Protein backbone atom coordinates (compact mmCIF):
# COMPACT_ATOMS: atom_id res chain seq x y z
CA UNK A 1 -145.62 48.46 69.48
CA UNK A 2 -148.32 50.98 70.33
CA UNK A 3 -150.09 48.34 72.42
CA UNK A 4 -146.95 47.72 74.50
CA UNK A 5 -146.36 51.44 74.99
CA UNK A 6 -149.96 51.97 76.11
CA UNK A 7 -149.76 48.94 78.39
CA UNK A 8 -146.54 50.23 79.98
CA UNK A 9 -147.94 53.72 80.57
CA UNK A 10 -151.31 52.54 81.89
CA UNK A 11 -151.66 53.22 85.64
CA UNK A 12 -155.20 51.99 86.11
CA UNK A 13 -154.42 49.28 88.70
CA UNK A 14 -151.86 51.27 90.66
CA UNK A 15 -154.27 52.46 93.36
CA UNK A 16 -155.42 48.93 94.09
CA UNK A 17 -151.84 47.77 94.68
CA UNK A 18 -151.08 50.73 96.93
CA UNK A 19 -154.18 50.16 99.04
CA UNK A 20 -153.40 46.45 99.28
CA UNK A 21 -149.89 47.18 100.52
CA UNK A 22 -151.25 49.67 103.04
CA UNK A 23 -153.77 47.15 104.38
CA UNK A 24 -151.06 44.48 104.62
CA UNK A 25 -148.86 46.86 106.62
CA UNK A 26 -151.69 47.73 109.00
CA UNK A 27 -152.52 44.03 109.48
CA UNK A 28 -148.92 43.15 110.29
CA UNK A 29 -148.58 46.06 112.71
CA UNK A 30 -151.83 45.07 114.43
CA UNK A 31 -150.71 41.47 114.74
CA UNK A 32 -147.44 42.58 116.32
CA UNK A 33 -149.30 44.73 118.84
CA UNK A 34 -151.76 41.97 119.72
CA UNK A 35 -148.96 39.47 120.28
CA UNK A 36 -147.22 41.89 122.63
CA UNK A 37 -150.46 42.74 124.44
CA UNK A 38 -151.35 39.05 124.83
CA UNK A 39 -148.41 38.47 127.16
CA UNK A 40 -149.45 41.42 129.32
CA UNK A 41 -153.03 40.20 129.53
CA UNK A 42 -151.84 36.73 130.51
CA UNK A 43 -149.75 38.22 133.30
CA UNK A 44 -152.67 40.32 134.57
CA UNK A 45 -155.00 37.30 134.61
CA UNK A 46 -152.41 35.16 136.41
CA UNK A 47 -151.90 37.76 139.14
CA UNK A 48 -155.66 38.27 139.54
CA UNK A 49 -156.26 34.52 139.74
CA UNK A 50 -153.57 34.14 142.41
CA UNK A 51 -155.02 36.98 144.48
CA UNK A 52 -158.55 35.59 144.24
CA UNK A 53 -157.33 32.12 145.22
CA UNK A 54 -155.49 33.56 148.22
CA UNK A 55 -158.55 35.58 149.26
CA UNK A 56 -160.80 32.51 148.97
CA UNK A 57 -158.37 30.43 151.01
CA UNK A 58 -158.14 33.02 153.78
CA UNK A 59 -161.91 33.48 153.84
CA UNK A 60 -162.51 29.75 154.40
């Protein structure tokens, strides 16, 4: 019975779990931001490519 009580009250691995949850949250938030930013970057590259193509065509 003493073993179970000591096991229940032991908090030795608690910090590891908290840090793991924090890292998981940061990773998910970063992934969400990168997905949103990826669409913006694609749009910027498409516009730039179209402008460069138009400039090359008018220069020829």
